[in-house]
Amino acid sequence: MKENILIVAATAAMLAGCPDMERLGGPAPINVDVRVQPAGKGISVSREPIYVHALNGHTPIVWNIATSGYTFASNGIEIVNGGTEFDCSRKSDVVFICFDHYTKPATYKYWIRLEGSPATPALDPTVVNN
């Protein structure tokens, strides 16, 4: 019986420590998978372009590397001319997150930089604040 109570308490503590953004009233994250194409043909993303809507303000955009053997460089996602519109950081070897503050509508190109690639793939897809 004590073991069951301990398991329930541990599970509750774990869930309390990992609240999702929607439950807290914030926008849901936009997840983007990054894949390295075979034979050195560069990389692709699962969403192109990434659309962010004004009503979502401070939207987290989360890039996840879906191809094993690659990691994000320290500047793995760089929003071109993003200025203070985005706060970006590497969260782990395979996860990079940018918060889009959405202070104005615009289209922003971004670069992806990975390590572990023979030719350091870079791509210039877009984030659209519409």
N, C-alpha and C. Protein backbone atom coordinates (compact mmCIF):
# COMPACT_ATOMS: atom_id res chain seq x y z
N MET A 1 0.82 -1.19 0.00
CA MET A 1 0.00 0.00 0.00
C MET A 1 0.86 1.26 0.00
N LYS A 2 1.91 1.26 0.84
CA LYS A 2 2.81 2.41 0.89
C LYS A 2 3.49 2.62 -0.46
N GLU A 3 3.82 1.50 -1.14
CA GLU A 3 4.47 1.60 -2.45
C GLU A 3 3.55 2.27 -3.46
N ASN A 4 2.25 1.93 -3.44
CA ASN A 4 1.29 2.54 -4.35
C ASN A 4 1.17 4.03 -4.11
N ILE A 5 1.12 4.43 -2.84
CA ILE A 5 1.02 5.85 -2.51
C ILE A 5 2.28 6.58 -2.98
N LEU A 6 3.43 5.95 -2.78
CA LEU A 6 4.69 6.55 -3.22
C LEU A 6 4.73 6.72 -4.74
N ILE A 7 4.27 5.73 -5.48
CA ILE A 7 4.24 5.80 -6.95
C ILE A 7 3.29 6.91 -7.40
N VAL A 8 2.11 6.99 -6.79
CA VAL A 8 1.15 8.04 -7.14
C VAL A 8 1.72 9.41 -6.83
N ALA A 9 2.36 9.57 -5.68
CA ALA A 9 2.94 10.86 -5.30
C ALA A 9 4.06 11.25 -6.25
N ALA A 10 4.92 10.30 -6.61
CA ALA A 10 6.02 10.58 -7.54
C ALA A 10 5.50 10.97 -8.91
N THR A 11 4.47 10.28 -9.38
CA THR A 11 3.88 10.60 -10.68
C THR A 11 3.25 11.99 -10.65
N ALA A 12 2.54 12.33 -9.59
CA ALA A 12 1.92 13.65 -9.48
C ALA A 12 2.98 14.74 -9.46
N ALA A 13 4.07 14.52 -8.73
CA ALA A 13 5.15 15.51 -8.68
C ALA A 13 5.78 15.70 -10.05
N MET A 14 5.97 14.60 -10.77
CA MET A 14 6.56 14.68 -12.10
C MET A 14 5.66 15.48 -13.04
N LEU A 15 4.36 15.19 -13.02
CA LEU A 15 3.44 15.90 -13.89
C LEU A 15 3.32 17.37 -13.52
N ALA A 16 3.38 17.69 -12.26
CA ALA A 16 3.31 19.08 -11.82
C ALA A 16 4.53 19.85 -12.27
N GLY A 17 5.66 19.18 -12.38
CA GLY A 17 6.89 19.85 -12.80
C GLY A 17 7.00 20.03 -14.29
N CYS A 18 6.07 19.49 -15.07
CA CYS A 18 6.13 19.57 -16.53
C CYS A 18 4.80 20.07 -17.11
N PRO A 19 4.33 21.24 -16.69
CA PRO A 19 3.05 21.71 -17.22
C PRO A 19 3.21 22.09 -18.68
N ASP A 20 2.16 21.85 -19.47
CA ASP A 20 2.24 22.26 -20.86
C ASP A 20 1.78 23.70 -21.01
N MET A 21 2.20 24.32 -22.08
CA MET A 21 1.94 25.75 -22.28
C MET A 21 0.45 26.04 -22.36
N GLU A 22 -0.33 25.20 -22.99
CA GLU A 22 -1.75 25.47 -23.16
C GLU A 22 -2.48 25.48 -21.82
N ARG A 23 -2.12 24.56 -20.92
CA ARG A 23 -2.76 24.53 -19.61
C ARG A 23 -2.50 25.82 -18.86
N LEU A 24 -1.37 26.46 -19.09
CA LEU A 24 -1.03 27.70 -18.41
C LEU A 24 -1.57 28.92 -19.15
N GLY A 25 -2.29 28.72 -20.23
CA GLY A 25 -2.86 29.83 -20.98
C GLY A 25 -1.96 30.35 -22.09
N GLY A 26 -0.78 29.77 -22.26
CA GLY A 26 0.12 30.19 -23.32
C GLY A 26 -0.14 29.41 -24.59
N PRO A 27 0.48 29.85 -25.67
CA PRO A 27 0.28 29.14 -26.94
C PRO A 27 0.96 27.78 -26.96
N ALA A 28 0.39 26.88 -27.73
CA ALA A 28 0.99 25.56 -27.91
C ALA A 28 2.26 25.71 -28.75
N PRO A 29 3.27 24.89 -28.48
CA PRO A 29 4.49 24.96 -29.28
C PRO A 29 4.23 24.50 -30.72
N ILE A 30 4.99 25.06 -31.63
CA ILE A 30 4.99 24.62 -33.02
C ILE A 30 6.21 23.72 -33.17
N ASN A 31 5.99 22.44 -33.45
CA ASN A 31 7.09 21.48 -33.58
C ASN A 31 7.49 21.32 -35.03
N VAL A 32 8.80 21.34 -35.26
CA VAL A 32 9.36 21.20 -36.60
C VAL A 32 10.42 20.10 -36.57
N ASP A 33 10.25 19.09 -37.40
CA ASP A 33 11.26 18.03 -37.51
C ASP A 33 12.29 18.43 -38.56
N VAL A 34 13.56 18.20 -38.23
CA VAL A 34 14.68 18.48 -39.14
C VAL A 34 15.26 17.13 -39.55
N ARG A 35 15.33 16.91 -40.85
CA ARG A 35 15.88 15.65 -41.37
C ARG A 35 17.03 15.93 -42.33
N VAL A 36 18.09 15.12 -42.21
CA VAL A 36 19.20 15.19 -43.14
C VAL A 36 18.92 14.21 -44.26
N GLN A 37 18.97 14.69 -45.49
CA GLN A 37 18.67 13.86 -46.65
C GLN A 37 19.88 12.99 -47.00
N PRO A 38 19.65 11.81 -47.55
CA PRO A 38 20.76 10.92 -47.91
C PRO A 38 21.65 11.51 -49.00
N ALA A 39 22.85 10.98 -49.06
CA ALA A 39 23.83 11.33 -50.10
C ALA A 39 24.18 12.82 -50.10
N GLY A 40 24.20 13.44 -48.92
CA GLY A 40 24.62 14.84 -48.82
C GLY A 40 23.74 15.82 -49.55
N LYS A 41 22.45 15.52 -49.69
CA LYS A 41 21.54 16.41 -50.43
C LYS A 41 20.91 17.48 -49.54
N GLY A 42 21.55 17.78 -48.42
CA GLY A 42 21.06 18.86 -47.56
C GLY A 42 20.09 18.37 -46.52
N ILE A 43 19.26 19.29 -46.05
CA ILE A 43 18.31 18.98 -45.01
C ILE A 43 16.91 19.43 -45.41
N SER A 44 15.92 18.91 -44.71
CA SER A 44 14.55 19.33 -44.95
C SER A 44 13.86 19.54 -43.61
N VAL A 45 12.78 20.28 -43.63
CA VAL A 45 12.00 20.52 -42.42
C VAL A 45 10.56 20.08 -42.68
N SER A 46 9.87 19.71 -41.62
CA SER A 46 8.51 19.20 -41.75
C SER A 46 7.47 20.30 -41.96
N ARG A 47 7.82 21.54 -41.67
CA ARG A 47 6.90 22.66 -41.88
C ARG A 47 7.64 23.75 -42.65
N GLU A 48 7.11 24.09 -43.79
CA GLU A 48 7.71 25.17 -44.59
C GLU A 48 6.61 25.82 -45.40
N PRO A 49 6.30 27.07 -45.12
CA PRO A 49 6.83 27.89 -44.03
C PRO A 49 6.18 27.54 -42.70
N ILE A 50 6.73 28.11 -41.63
CA ILE A 50 6.13 28.00 -40.31
C ILE A 50 5.24 29.22 -40.14
N TYR A 51 3.94 29.00 -39.94
CA TYR A 51 3.01 30.11 -39.76
C TYR A 51 2.76 30.35 -38.27
N VAL A 52 2.92 31.60 -37.84
CA VAL A 52 2.62 32.00 -36.47
C VAL A 52 1.56 33.09 -36.56
N HIS A 53 0.54 32.99 -35.73
CA HIS A 53 -0.56 33.94 -35.78
C HIS A 53 -0.49 34.89 -34.59
N ALA A 54 -0.88 36.14 -34.80
CA ALA A 54 -0.78 37.19 -33.79
C ALA A 54 -1.43 36.78 -32.47
N LEU A 55 -2.54 36.09 -32.54
CA LEU A 55 -3.23 35.74 -31.31
C LEU A 55 -2.44 34.77 -30.46
N ASN A 56 -1.38 34.18 -31.02
CA ASN A 56 -0.57 33.23 -30.27
C ASN A 56 0.57 33.88 -29.49
N GLY A 57 0.89 35.15 -29.71
CA GLY A 57 2.01 35.84 -29.07
C GLY A 57 2.94 35.02 -28.19
N HIS A 58 4.20 35.20 -28.29
CA HIS A 58 5.25 34.50 -27.54
C HIS A 58 5.17 32.98 -27.78
N THR A 59 5.01 32.62 -29.05
CA THR A 59 4.86 31.22 -29.45
C THR A 59 6.22 30.52 -29.47
N PRO A 60 6.34 29.36 -28.80
CA PRO A 60 7.56 28.59 -28.90
C PRO A 60 7.59 27.77 -30.19
N ILE A 61 8.66 27.92 -30.94
CA ILE A 61 8.90 27.10 -32.13
C ILE A 61 10.02 26.15 -31.75
N VAL A 62 9.77 24.84 -31.85
CA VAL A 62 10.72 23.83 -31.38
C VAL A 62 11.17 22.97 -32.56
N TRP A 63 12.47 23.05 -32.87
CA TRP A 63 13.06 22.22 -33.92
C TRP A 63 13.67 20.99 -33.27
N ASN A 64 13.37 19.82 -33.82
CA ASN A 64 13.89 18.54 -33.33
C ASN A 64 14.61 17.83 -34.47
N ILE A 65 15.84 17.41 -34.24
CA ILE A 65 16.55 16.65 -35.27
C ILE A 65 16.01 15.23 -35.27
N ALA A 66 15.49 14.80 -36.41
CA ALA A 66 14.88 13.49 -36.54
C ALA A 66 15.83 12.46 -37.16
N THR A 67 17.00 12.89 -37.62
CA THR A 67 17.98 11.98 -38.22
C THR A 67 19.12 11.78 -37.23
N SER A 68 19.37 10.54 -36.84
CA SER A 68 20.42 10.28 -35.85
C SER A 68 21.80 10.60 -36.42
N GLY A 69 22.72 10.90 -35.51
CA GLY A 69 24.10 11.19 -35.90
C GLY A 69 24.39 12.66 -36.11
N TYR A 70 23.42 13.51 -35.89
CA TYR A 70 23.59 14.94 -36.09
C TYR A 70 23.20 15.69 -34.82
N THR A 71 23.82 16.83 -34.60
CA THR A 71 23.48 17.70 -33.48
C THR A 71 23.40 19.13 -33.96
N PHE A 72 22.69 19.96 -33.21
CA PHE A 72 22.64 21.38 -33.54
C PHE A 72 23.96 22.04 -33.15
N ALA A 73 24.45 22.93 -33.99
CA ALA A 73 25.57 23.79 -33.63
C ALA A 73 25.06 24.78 -32.58
N SER A 74 25.97 25.49 -31.92
CA SER A 74 25.53 26.45 -30.89
C SER A 74 24.62 27.52 -31.50
N ASN A 75 24.83 27.84 -32.77
CA ASN A 75 23.96 28.78 -33.49
C ASN A 75 23.08 28.00 -34.48
N GLY A 76 22.55 26.87 -34.02
CA GLY A 76 21.81 25.93 -34.87
C GLY A 76 20.63 26.51 -35.61
N ILE A 77 19.90 27.43 -34.99
CA ILE A 77 18.82 28.14 -35.68
C ILE A 77 19.14 29.62 -35.57
N GLU A 78 19.24 30.27 -36.71
CA GLU A 78 19.51 31.71 -36.75
C GLU A 78 18.42 32.38 -37.58
N ILE A 79 17.63 33.23 -36.94
CA ILE A 79 16.58 33.97 -37.64
C ILE A 79 17.24 35.20 -38.26
N VAL A 80 17.21 35.28 -39.58
CA VAL A 80 17.84 36.38 -40.29
C VAL A 80 17.01 37.65 -40.07
N ASN A 81 17.66 38.72 -39.64
CA ASN A 81 17.00 40.00 -39.37
C ASN A 81 15.85 39.87 -38.38
N GLY A 82 15.97 38.92 -37.45
CA GLY A 82 14.92 38.71 -36.46
C GLY A 82 14.95 39.73 -35.34
N GLY A 83 16.13 40.32 -35.11
CA GLY A 83 16.26 41.32 -34.05
C GLY A 83 15.74 40.80 -32.72
N THR A 84 14.89 41.58 -32.06
CA THR A 84 14.34 41.19 -30.76
C THR A 84 13.02 40.44 -30.90
N GLU A 85 12.64 40.14 -32.13
CA GLU A 85 11.38 39.42 -32.38
C GLU A 85 11.45 37.98 -31.87
N PHE A 86 12.67 37.42 -31.80
CA PHE A 86 12.85 36.02 -31.42
C PHE A 86 13.91 35.89 -30.33
N ASP A 87 13.67 34.99 -29.38
CA ASP A 87 14.67 34.57 -28.40
C ASP A 87 14.94 33.11 -28.68
N CYS A 88 16.17 32.78 -29.09
CA CYS A 88 16.50 31.42 -29.49
C CYS A 88 17.61 30.84 -28.63
N SER A 89 17.53 29.53 -28.38
CA SER A 89 18.61 28.87 -27.65
C SER A 89 18.57 27.36 -27.92
N ARG A 90 19.75 26.78 -27.80
CA ARG A 90 19.89 25.32 -27.94
C ARG A 90 19.52 24.70 -26.61
N LYS A 91 18.55 23.79 -26.61
CA LYS A 91 18.11 23.14 -25.38
C LYS A 91 18.80 21.81 -25.15
N SER A 92 19.22 21.15 -26.22
CA SER A 92 19.98 19.90 -26.13
C SER A 92 20.66 19.70 -27.47
N ASP A 93 21.37 18.60 -27.60
CA ASP A 93 22.04 18.32 -28.88
C ASP A 93 21.06 18.28 -30.04
N VAL A 94 19.82 17.85 -29.78
CA VAL A 94 18.87 17.64 -30.87
C VAL A 94 17.61 18.52 -30.78
N VAL A 95 17.59 19.47 -29.85
CA VAL A 95 16.43 20.35 -29.70
C VAL A 95 16.88 21.81 -29.64
N PHE A 96 16.26 22.63 -30.47
CA PHE A 96 16.52 24.07 -30.50
C PHE A 96 15.16 24.76 -30.41
N ILE A 97 15.06 25.81 -29.61
CA ILE A 97 13.78 26.49 -29.43
C ILE A 97 13.94 27.99 -29.63
N CYS A 98 12.96 28.59 -30.31
CA CYS A 98 12.89 30.04 -30.45
C CYS A 98 11.50 30.48 -30.00
N PHE A 99 11.44 31.52 -29.19
CA PHE A 99 10.16 32.12 -28.83
C PHE A 99 9.92 33.29 -29.76
N ASP A 100 8.82 33.24 -30.49
CA ASP A 100 8.43 34.30 -31.44
C ASP A 100 7.50 35.25 -30.69
N HIS A 101 7.98 36.46 -30.43
CA HIS A 101 7.19 37.43 -29.67
C HIS A 101 6.06 38.05 -30.49
N TYR A 102 6.18 37.97 -31.78
CA TYR A 102 5.17 38.48 -32.72
C TYR A 102 4.74 39.91 -32.39
N THR A 103 5.66 40.84 -32.56
CA THR A 103 5.31 42.25 -32.34
C THR A 103 4.88 42.91 -33.64
N LYS A 104 5.16 42.26 -34.78
CA LYS A 104 4.74 42.81 -36.08
C LYS A 104 4.67 41.70 -37.11
N PRO A 105 3.75 41.83 -38.07
CA PRO A 105 3.68 40.86 -39.16
C PRO A 105 4.91 41.00 -40.07
N ALA A 106 5.50 39.90 -40.43
CA ALA A 106 6.66 39.90 -41.34
C ALA A 106 7.00 38.45 -41.68
N THR A 107 7.86 38.28 -42.68
CA THR A 107 8.38 36.97 -43.05
C THR A 107 9.87 36.98 -42.75
N TYR A 108 10.33 35.98 -42.03
CA TYR A 108 11.73 35.88 -41.63
C TYR A 108 12.34 34.59 -42.16
N LYS A 109 13.47 34.72 -42.85
CA LYS A 109 14.22 33.53 -43.25
C LYS A 109 15.02 33.08 -42.04
N TYR A 110 15.33 31.78 -42.00
CA TYR A 110 16.21 31.30 -40.94
C TYR A 110 17.17 30.27 -41.50
N TRP A 111 18.29 30.13 -40.81
CA TRP A 111 19.32 29.18 -41.19
C TRP A 111 19.34 28.05 -40.16
N ILE A 112 19.60 26.85 -40.64
CA ILE A 112 19.78 25.70 -39.77
C ILE A 112 21.23 25.25 -39.91
N ARG A 113 21.90 25.10 -38.78
CA ARG A 113 23.29 24.64 -38.80
C ARG A 113 23.41 23.39 -37.92
N LEU A 114 23.92 22.32 -38.53
CA LEU A 114 24.08 21.05 -37.83
C LEU A 114 25.54 20.64 -37.82
N GLU A 115 25.90 19.91 -36.78
CA GLU A 115 27.23 19.30 -36.73
C GLU A 115 27.05 17.80 -36.98
N GLY A 116 28.08 17.19 -37.55
CA GLY A 116 27.99 15.77 -37.87
C GLY A 116 27.68 15.54 -39.32
N SER A 117 27.49 16.62 -40.06
CA SER A 117 27.19 16.53 -41.47
C SER A 117 28.47 16.70 -42.27
N PRO A 118 28.63 15.95 -43.34
CA PRO A 118 29.85 16.10 -44.16
C PRO A 118 30.02 17.50 -44.73
N ALA A 119 28.93 18.17 -45.02
CA ALA A 119 29.04 19.49 -45.67
C ALA A 119 28.27 20.56 -44.91
N THR A 120 28.13 20.45 -43.60
CA THR A 120 27.37 21.39 -42.77
C THR A 120 26.16 21.93 -43.52
N PRO A 121 25.08 21.19 -43.51
CA PRO A 121 23.91 21.64 -44.26
C PRO A 121 23.31 22.91 -43.70
N ALA A 122 22.84 23.75 -44.55
CA ALA A 122 22.13 24.97 -44.15
C ALA A 122 20.93 25.10 -45.06
N LEU A 123 19.88 25.65 -44.55
CA LEU A 123 18.65 25.79 -45.30
C LEU A 123 18.10 27.17 -44.98
N ASP A 124 17.38 27.76 -45.88
CA ASP A 124 16.81 29.08 -45.58
C ASP A 124 15.30 29.08 -45.76
N PRO A 125 14.58 28.29 -44.92
CA PRO A 125 13.12 28.34 -44.93
C PRO A 125 12.64 29.60 -44.21
N THR A 126 11.35 29.71 -43.96
CA THR A 126 10.83 30.94 -43.38
C THR A 126 9.88 30.70 -42.21
N VAL A 127 9.81 31.74 -41.36
CA VAL A 127 8.79 31.86 -40.33
C VAL A 127 7.95 33.04 -40.76
N VAL A 128 6.63 32.85 -40.81
CA VAL A 128 5.73 33.90 -41.27
C VAL A 128 4.84 34.33 -40.11
N ASN A 129 5.01 35.58 -39.69
CA ASN A 129 4.10 36.19 -38.71
C ASN A 129 3.02 36.87 -39.54
N ASN A 130 1.84 36.25 -39.62
CA ASN A 130 0.82 36.80 -40.51
C ASN A 130 -0.41 37.29 -39.78
